[in-house]
């Protein structure tokens, strides 16, 4: 079972893409600031694709808001979450500067890789795997929030340890590894039922 799970194309792509920041820490001496901004941007990518999934959903329960209202509310929650995380870090840790101070080609490569991973998963699992036929609007509304919460927690803890101990490569590698593990667990939990229904496991 475990071998089949980790042989799923979307899992393989997710792991490979998430190893790019690890390589950048090891070989390009990335700072914690660059890692933090990368994960903040990924939170936005997760929100974008979840809003896209909500647009394609077929099952809409009887509730007090429509599909468009649910998508709008979801996007607002995500935007507020990202702004609060950045604003909080900026307020607490004065050294945190603007994203443009960390802009370089390697950040573009990492962001592109993450976007590619989520795009690949969207088309292979949600569209081709027809998850939009079995999922519900309310489930999609809440589903990504724990994953983003973990990412935001990783950002905050990473900032704290860096603030107190400095840009230690070992600390940054540990947080990148933790993020990879969390990503895999959430991704598998999100799609495992669909894989089983399609006879892939």
C-alpha atoms as a PDB file:
ATOM      1  CA  UNK A   1       0.000   0.000   0.000  1.00  0.00           C
ATOM      2  CA  UNK A   2       2.719   2.474   1.024  1.00  0.00           C
ATOM      3  CA  UNK A   3       4.703   1.730  -2.134  1.00  0.00           C
ATOM      4  CA  UNK A   4       1.632   2.373  -4.304  1.00  0.00           C
ATOM      5  CA  UNK A   5       0.890   5.626  -2.487  1.00  0.00           C
ATOM      6  CA  UNK A   6       4.386   7.006  -3.051  1.00  0.00           C
ATOM      7  CA  UNK A   7       4.347   5.852  -6.661  1.00  0.00           C
ATOM      8  CA  UNK A   8       1.406   8.137  -7.454  1.00  0.00           C
ATOM      9  CA  UNK A   9       2.600  10.757  -9.988  1.00  0.00           C
ATOM     10  CA  UNK A  10       1.287  13.728  -8.010  1.00  0.00           C
ATOM     11  CA  UNK A  11       3.113  12.539  -4.867  1.00  0.00           C
ATOM     12  CA  UNK A  12       6.370  12.124  -6.791  1.00  0.00           C
ATOM     13  CA  UNK A  13       6.053  15.598  -8.329  1.00  0.00           C
ATOM     14  CA  UNK A  14       5.217  17.116  -4.928  1.00  0.00           C
ATOM     15  CA  UNK A  15       8.311  15.592  -3.286  1.00  0.00           C
ATOM     16  CA  UNK A  16      10.659  16.548  -6.125  1.00  0.00           C
ATOM     17  CA  UNK A  17       9.417  20.129  -6.224  1.00  0.00           C
ATOM     18  CA  UNK A  18       9.724  20.513  -2.455  1.00  0.00           C
ATOM     19  CA  UNK A  19      13.326  19.334  -2.565  1.00  0.00           C
ATOM     20  CA  UNK A  20      14.244  22.378  -4.679  1.00  0.00           C
ATOM     21  CA  UNK A  21      14.219  24.762  -1.665  1.00  0.00           C
ATOM     22  CA  UNK A  22      16.300  22.212   0.244  1.00  0.00           C
ATOM     23  CA  UNK A  23      18.919  22.288  -2.518  1.00  0.00           C
ATOM     24  CA  UNK A  24      18.825  26.083  -2.489  1.00  0.00           C
ATOM     25  CA  UNK A  25      19.527  26.112   1.248  1.00  0.00           C
ATOM     26  CA  UNK A  26      22.366  23.596   0.856  1.00  0.00           C
ATOM     27  CA  UNK A  27      24.096  24.912  -2.236  1.00  0.00           C
ATOM     28  CA  UNK A  28      22.957  28.508  -2.716  1.00  0.00           C
ATOM     29  CA  UNK A  29      23.020  29.589   0.934  1.00  0.00           C
ATOM     30  CA  UNK A  30      19.406  30.692   0.947  1.00  0.00           C
ATOM     31  CA  UNK A  31      18.442  32.738   3.995  1.00  0.00           C
ATOM     32  CA  UNK A  32      15.455  31.987   6.206  1.00  0.00           C
ATOM     33  CA  UNK A  33      13.814  35.106   4.756  1.00  0.00           C
ATOM     34  CA  UNK A  34      13.768  33.577   1.279  1.00  0.00           C
ATOM     35  CA  UNK A  35      12.294  30.327   2.631  1.00  0.00           C
ATOM     36  CA  UNK A  36       9.631  32.232   4.564  1.00  0.00           C
ATOM     37  CA  UNK A  37       8.523  34.226   1.548  1.00  0.00           C
ATOM     38  CA  UNK A  38       8.464  31.113  -0.589  1.00  0.00           C
ATOM     39  CA  UNK A  39       6.060  29.436   1.838  1.00  0.00           C
ATOM     40  CA  UNK A  40       3.938  32.567   2.117  1.00  0.00           C
ATOM     41  CA  UNK A  41       3.607  32.561  -1.668  1.00  0.00           C
ATOM     42  CA  UNK A  42       2.717  28.860  -1.604  1.00  0.00           C
ATOM     43  CA  UNK A  43      -0.128  29.624   0.796  1.00  0.00           C
ATOM     44  CA  UNK A  44      -1.521  31.893  -1.902  1.00  0.00           C
ATOM     45  CA  UNK A  45      -1.071  29.162  -4.535  1.00  0.00           C
ATOM     46  CA  UNK A  46      -2.984  26.682  -2.366  1.00  0.00           C
ATOM     47  CA  UNK A  47      -5.781  29.226  -1.955  1.00  0.00           C
ATOM     48  CA  UNK A  48      -5.917  29.889  -5.705  1.00  0.00           C
ATOM     49  CA  UNK A  49      -6.264  26.222  -6.640  1.00  0.00           C
ATOM     50  CA  UNK A  50      -8.781  25.534  -3.912  1.00  0.00           C
ATOM     51  CA  UNK A  51     -10.949  28.396  -5.198  1.00  0.00           C
ATOM     52  CA  UNK A  52     -10.600  26.824  -8.654  1.00  0.00           C
ATOM     53  CA  UNK A  53     -11.703  23.454  -7.261  1.00  0.00           C
ATOM     54  CA  UNK A  54     -14.710  25.101  -5.635  1.00  0.00           C
ATOM     55  CA  UNK A  55     -15.661  26.588  -9.011  1.00  0.00           C
ATOM     56  CA  UNK A  56     -15.768  23.106 -10.601  1.00  0.00           C
ATOM     57  CA  UNK A  57     -17.647  21.390  -7.740  1.00  0.00           C
ATOM     58  CA  UNK A  58     -20.910  19.671  -8.575  1.00  0.00           C
ATOM     59  CA  UNK A  59     -22.336  18.981  -5.105  1.00  0.00           C
ATOM     60  CA  UNK A  60     -23.582  22.159  -3.409  1.00  0.00           C
ATOM     61  CA  UNK A  61     -25.370  21.630  -0.115  1.00  0.00           C
ATOM     62  CA  UNK A  62     -28.257  23.789   1.020  1.00  0.00           C
ATOM     63  CA  UNK A  63     -26.582  26.595   2.906  1.00  0.00           C
ATOM     64  CA  UNK A  64     -26.730  30.319   3.455  1.00  0.00           C
ATOM     65  CA  UNK A  65     -24.327  31.240   0.652  1.00  0.00           C
ATOM     66  CA  UNK A  66     -23.976  30.459  -3.037  1.00  0.00           C
ATOM     67  CA  UNK A  67     -20.918  29.019  -4.757  1.00  0.00           C
ATOM     68  CA  UNK A  68     -19.657  32.486  -5.739  1.00  0.00           C
ATOM     69  CA  UNK A  69     -20.163  33.810  -2.206  1.00  0.00           C
ATOM     70  CA  UNK A  70     -18.356  30.790  -0.751  1.00  0.00           C
ATOM     71  CA  UNK A  71     -15.404  31.297  -3.110  1.00  0.00           C
ATOM     72  CA  UNK A  72     -15.258  35.022  -2.317  1.00  0.00           C
ATOM     73  CA  UNK A  73     -15.337  34.364   1.447  1.00  0.00           C
ATOM     74  CA  UNK A  74     -12.683  31.672   1.121  1.00  0.00           C
ATOM     75  CA  UNK A  75     -10.359  33.997  -0.826  1.00  0.00           C
ATOM     76  CA  UNK A  76     -10.845  36.744   1.757  1.00  0.00           C
ATOM     77  CA  UNK A  77      -9.951  34.382   4.605  1.00  0.00           C
ATOM     78  CA  UNK A  78      -6.812  33.307   2.771  1.00  0.00           C
ATOM     79  CA  UNK A  79      -5.750  36.871   1.987  1.00  0.00           C
ATOM     80  CA  UNK A  80      -6.277  37.981   5.571  1.00  0.00           C
ATOM     81  CA  UNK A  81      -4.322  34.947   6.818  1.00  0.00           C
ATOM     82  CA  UNK A  82      -1.324  35.705   4.605  1.00  0.00           C
ATOM     83  CA  UNK A  83      -1.386  39.448   5.358  1.00  0.00           C
ATOM     84  CA  UNK A  84      -1.626  38.819   9.113  1.00  0.00           C
ATOM     85  CA  UNK A  85       1.247  36.345   9.029  1.00  0.00           C
ATOM     86  CA  UNK A  86       3.489  38.733   7.100  1.00  0.00           C
ATOM     87  CA  UNK A  87       2.388  41.744   9.142  1.00  0.00           C
ATOM     88  CA  UNK A  88       2.929  39.898  12.402  1.00  0.00           C
ATOM     89  CA  UNK A  89       6.417  38.804  11.401  1.00  0.00           C
ATOM     90  CA  UNK A  90       7.222  42.306  10.200  1.00  0.00           C
ATOM     91  CA  UNK A  91       6.033  43.772  13.507  1.00  0.00           C
ATOM     92  CA  UNK A  92       7.799  41.260  15.750  1.00  0.00           C
ATOM     93  CA  UNK A  93      10.984  40.720  13.750  1.00  0.00           C
ATOM     94  CA  UNK A  94      12.144  44.053  12.381  1.00  0.00           C
ATOM     95  CA  UNK A  95      14.697  42.389  10.124  1.00  0.00           C
ATOM     96  CA  UNK A  96      11.979  40.964   7.879  1.00  0.00           C
ATOM     97  CA  UNK A  97      11.979  43.163   4.800  1.00  0.00           C
ATOM     98  CA  UNK A  98       9.893  43.292   1.634  1.00  0.00           C
ATOM     99  CA  UNK A  99       9.579  40.324  -0.754  1.00  0.00           C
ATOM    100  CA  UNK A 100      11.445  42.279  -3.437  1.00  0.00           C
ATOM    101  CA  UNK A 101      14.611  42.191  -1.340  1.00  0.00           C
ATOM    102  CA  UNK A 102      14.630  38.416  -1.816  1.00  0.00           C
ATOM    103  CA  UNK A 103      13.635  38.397  -5.477  1.00  0.00           C
ATOM    104  CA  UNK A 104      15.986  36.363  -7.675  1.00  0.00           C
ATOM    105  CA  UNK A 105      15.812  33.768 -10.407  1.00  0.00           C
ATOM    106  CA  UNK A 106      15.953  30.897  -7.901  1.00  0.00           C
ATOM    107  CA  UNK A 107      12.916  32.197  -6.062  1.00  0.00           C
ATOM    108  CA  UNK A 108      11.115  32.329  -9.420  1.00  0.00           C
ATOM    109  CA  UNK A 109      12.184  28.722 -10.095  1.00  0.00           C
ATOM    110  CA  UNK A 110      10.909  27.560  -6.701  1.00  0.00           C
ATOM    111  CA  UNK A 111       7.583  29.370  -7.030  1.00  0.00           C
ATOM    112  CA  UNK A 112       7.164  28.029 -10.571  1.00  0.00           C
ATOM    113  CA  UNK A 113       7.868  24.510  -9.317  1.00  0.00           C
ATOM    114  CA  UNK A 114       5.273  24.775  -6.561  1.00  0.00           C
ATOM    115  CA  UNK A 115       2.722  26.176  -9.002  1.00  0.00           C
ATOM    116  CA  UNK A 116       3.499  23.328 -11.403  1.00  0.00           C
ATOM    117  CA  UNK A 117       3.035  20.756  -8.648  1.00  0.00           C
ATOM    118  CA  UNK A 118      -0.387  22.115  -7.675  1.00  0.00           C
ATOM    119  CA  UNK A 119      -1.374  22.416 -11.351  1.00  0.00           C
ATOM    120  CA  UNK A 120      -0.379  18.808 -12.000  1.00  0.00           C
ATOM    121  CA  UNK A 121      -2.324  17.588  -8.961  1.00  0.00           C
ATOM    122  CA  UNK A 122      -5.379  19.642  -9.970  1.00  0.00           C
ATOM    123  CA  UNK A 123      -5.583  18.106 -13.436  1.00  0.00           C
ATOM    124  CA  UNK A 124      -4.551  14.521 -12.583  1.00  0.00           C
ATOM    125  CA  UNK A 125      -6.536  14.119  -9.360  1.00  0.00           C
ATOM    126  CA  UNK A 126      -9.362  16.624  -9.440  1.00  0.00           C
ATOM    127  CA  UNK A 127     -10.217  16.778 -13.153  1.00  0.00           C
ATOM    128  CA  UNK A 128      -9.006  13.483 -14.614  1.00  0.00           C
ATOM    129  CA  UNK A 129      -9.723  11.636 -11.359  1.00  0.00           C
ATOM    130  CA  UNK A 130     -13.171  13.256 -11.243  1.00  0.00           C
ATOM    131  CA  UNK A 131     -12.876  14.288  -7.592  1.00  0.00           C
ATOM    132  CA  UNK A 132     -15.164  17.205  -8.404  1.00  0.00           C
ATOM    133  CA  UNK A 133     -18.027  14.698  -8.701  1.00  0.00           C
ATOM    134  CA  UNK A 134     -17.667  13.297  -5.180  1.00  0.00           C
ATOM    135  CA  UNK A 135     -16.432  16.313  -3.201  1.00  0.00           C
ATOM    136  CA  UNK A 136     -18.670  18.955  -1.617  1.00  0.00           C
ATOM    137  CA  UNK A 137     -18.473  22.726  -1.406  1.00  0.00           C
ATOM    138  CA  UNK A 138     -18.376  22.830   2.392  1.00  0.00           C
ATOM    139  CA  UNK A 139     -15.605  20.222   2.483  1.00  0.00           C
ATOM    140  CA  UNK A 140     -13.513  22.194   0.001  1.00  0.00           C
ATOM    141  CA  UNK A 141     -14.107  25.372   1.971  1.00  0.00           C
ATOM    142  CA  UNK A 142     -12.411  23.959   5.084  1.00  0.00           C
ATOM    143  CA  UNK A 143     -10.104  21.287   3.620  1.00  0.00           C
ATOM    144  CA  UNK A 144      -6.950  23.361   2.902  1.00  0.00           C
ATOM    145  CA  UNK A 145      -7.046  25.435   6.091  1.00  0.00           C
ATOM    146  CA  UNK A 146      -5.169  22.920   8.329  1.00  0.00           C
ATOM    147  CA  UNK A 147      -2.458  22.565   5.670  1.00  0.00           C
ATOM    148  CA  UNK A 148      -2.021  26.320   5.389  1.00  0.00           C
ATOM    149  CA  UNK A 149      -2.088  26.633   9.179  1.00  0.00           C
ATOM    150  CA  UNK A 150       0.850  24.207   9.394  1.00  0.00           C
ATOM    151  CA  UNK A 151       2.733  26.172   6.734  1.00  0.00           C
ATOM    152  CA  UNK A 152       2.089  29.428   8.605  1.00  0.00           C
ATOM    153  CA  UNK A 153       3.217  27.786  11.856  1.00  0.00           C
ATOM    154  CA  UNK A 154       6.395  26.635  10.116  1.00  0.00           C
ATOM    155  CA  UNK A 155       6.980  30.212   8.968  1.00  0.00           C
ATOM    156  CA  UNK A 156       6.501  31.631  12.465  1.00  0.00           C
ATOM    157  CA  UNK A 157       8.682  28.989  14.167  1.00  0.00           C
ATOM    158  CA  UNK A 158      11.337  29.391  11.491  1.00  0.00           C
ATOM    159  CA  UNK A 159      11.376  33.140  12.040  1.00  0.00           C
ATOM    160  CA  UNK A 160      11.571  32.690  15.814  1.00  0.00           C
ATOM    161  CA  UNK A 161      14.480  30.249  15.775  1.00  0.00           C
ATOM    162  CA  UNK A 162      16.317  32.342  13.215  1.00  0.00           C
ATOM    163  CA  UNK A 163      15.760  35.454  15.297  1.00  0.00           C
ATOM    164  CA  UNK A 164      17.152  33.764  18.401  1.00  0.00           C
ATOM    165  CA  UNK A 165      19.833  31.506  16.892  1.00  0.00           C
ATOM    166  CA  UNK A 166      20.709  33.043  13.530  1.00  0.00           C
ATOM    167  CA  UNK A 167      20.521  31.671   9.988  1.00  0.00           C
ATOM    168  CA  UNK A 168      21.745  28.183  10.876  1.00  0.00           C
ATOM    169  CA  UNK A 169      21.633  25.888   7.859  1.00  0.00           C
ATOM    170  CA  UNK A 170      20.688  22.888  10.008  1.00  0.00           C
ATOM    171  CA  UNK A 171      17.604  24.696  11.357  1.00  0.00           C
ATOM    172  CA  UNK A 172      16.442  25.725   7.900  1.00  0.00           C
ATOM    173  CA  UNK A 173      16.944  22.196   6.556  1.00  0.00           C
ATOM    174  CA  UNK A 174      14.938  20.778   9.458  1.00  0.00           C
ATOM    175  CA  UNK A 175      12.009  23.097   8.728  1.00  0.00           C
ATOM    176  CA  UNK A 176      12.121  22.316   5.006  1.00  0.00           C
ATOM    177  CA  UNK A 177      12.072  18.579   5.792  1.00  0.00           C
ATOM    178  CA  UNK A 178       9.187  19.090   8.211  1.00  0.00           C
ATOM    179  CA  UNK A 179       7.274  20.989   5.563  1.00  0.00           C
ATOM    180  CA  UNK A 180       7.855  18.211   2.991  1.00  0.00           C
ATOM    181  CA  UNK A 181       6.535  15.570   5.409  1.00  0.00           C
ATOM    182  CA  UNK A 182       3.462  17.648   6.287  1.00  0.00           C
ATOM    183  CA  UNK A 183       2.773  18.349   2.606  1.00  0.00           C
ATOM    184  CA  UNK A 184       2.934  14.645   1.757  1.00  0.00           C
ATOM    185  CA  UNK A 185       0.621  13.659   4.618  1.00  0.00           C
ATOM    186  CA  UNK A 186      -2.012  16.253   3.697  1.00  0.00           C
ATOM    187  CA  UNK A 187      -1.768  15.432  -0.005  1.00  0.00           C
ATOM    188  CA  UNK A 188      -2.165  11.691   0.606  1.00  0.00           C
ATOM    189  CA  UNK A 189      -5.065  12.221   3.004  1.00  0.00           C
ATOM    190  CA  UNK A 190      -6.743  14.530   0.479  1.00  0.00           C
ATOM    191  CA  UNK A 191      -6.571  12.114  -2.463  1.00  0.00           C
ATOM    192  CA  UNK A 192      -6.323   8.623  -0.938  1.00  0.00           C
ATOM    193  CA  UNK A 193     -10.056   7.918  -1.151  1.00  0.00           C
ATOM    194  CA  UNK A 194     -10.111   8.933  -4.818  1.00  0.00           C
ATOM    195  CA  UNK A 195      -7.115   6.718  -5.591  1.00  0.00           C
ATOM    196  CA  UNK A 196      -8.845   3.774  -3.927  1.00  0.00           C
ATOM    197  CA  UNK A 197     -12.053   4.348  -5.878  1.00  0.00           C
ATOM    198  CA  UNK A 198     -10.084   4.442  -9.116  1.00  0.00           C
ATOM    199  CA  UNK A 199      -8.250   1.199  -8.235  1.00  0.00           C
ATOM    200  CA  UNK A 200      -4.841   2.848  -8.007  1.00  0.00           C
ATOM    201  CA  UNK A 201      -4.154   1.509  -4.498  1.00  0.00           C
END
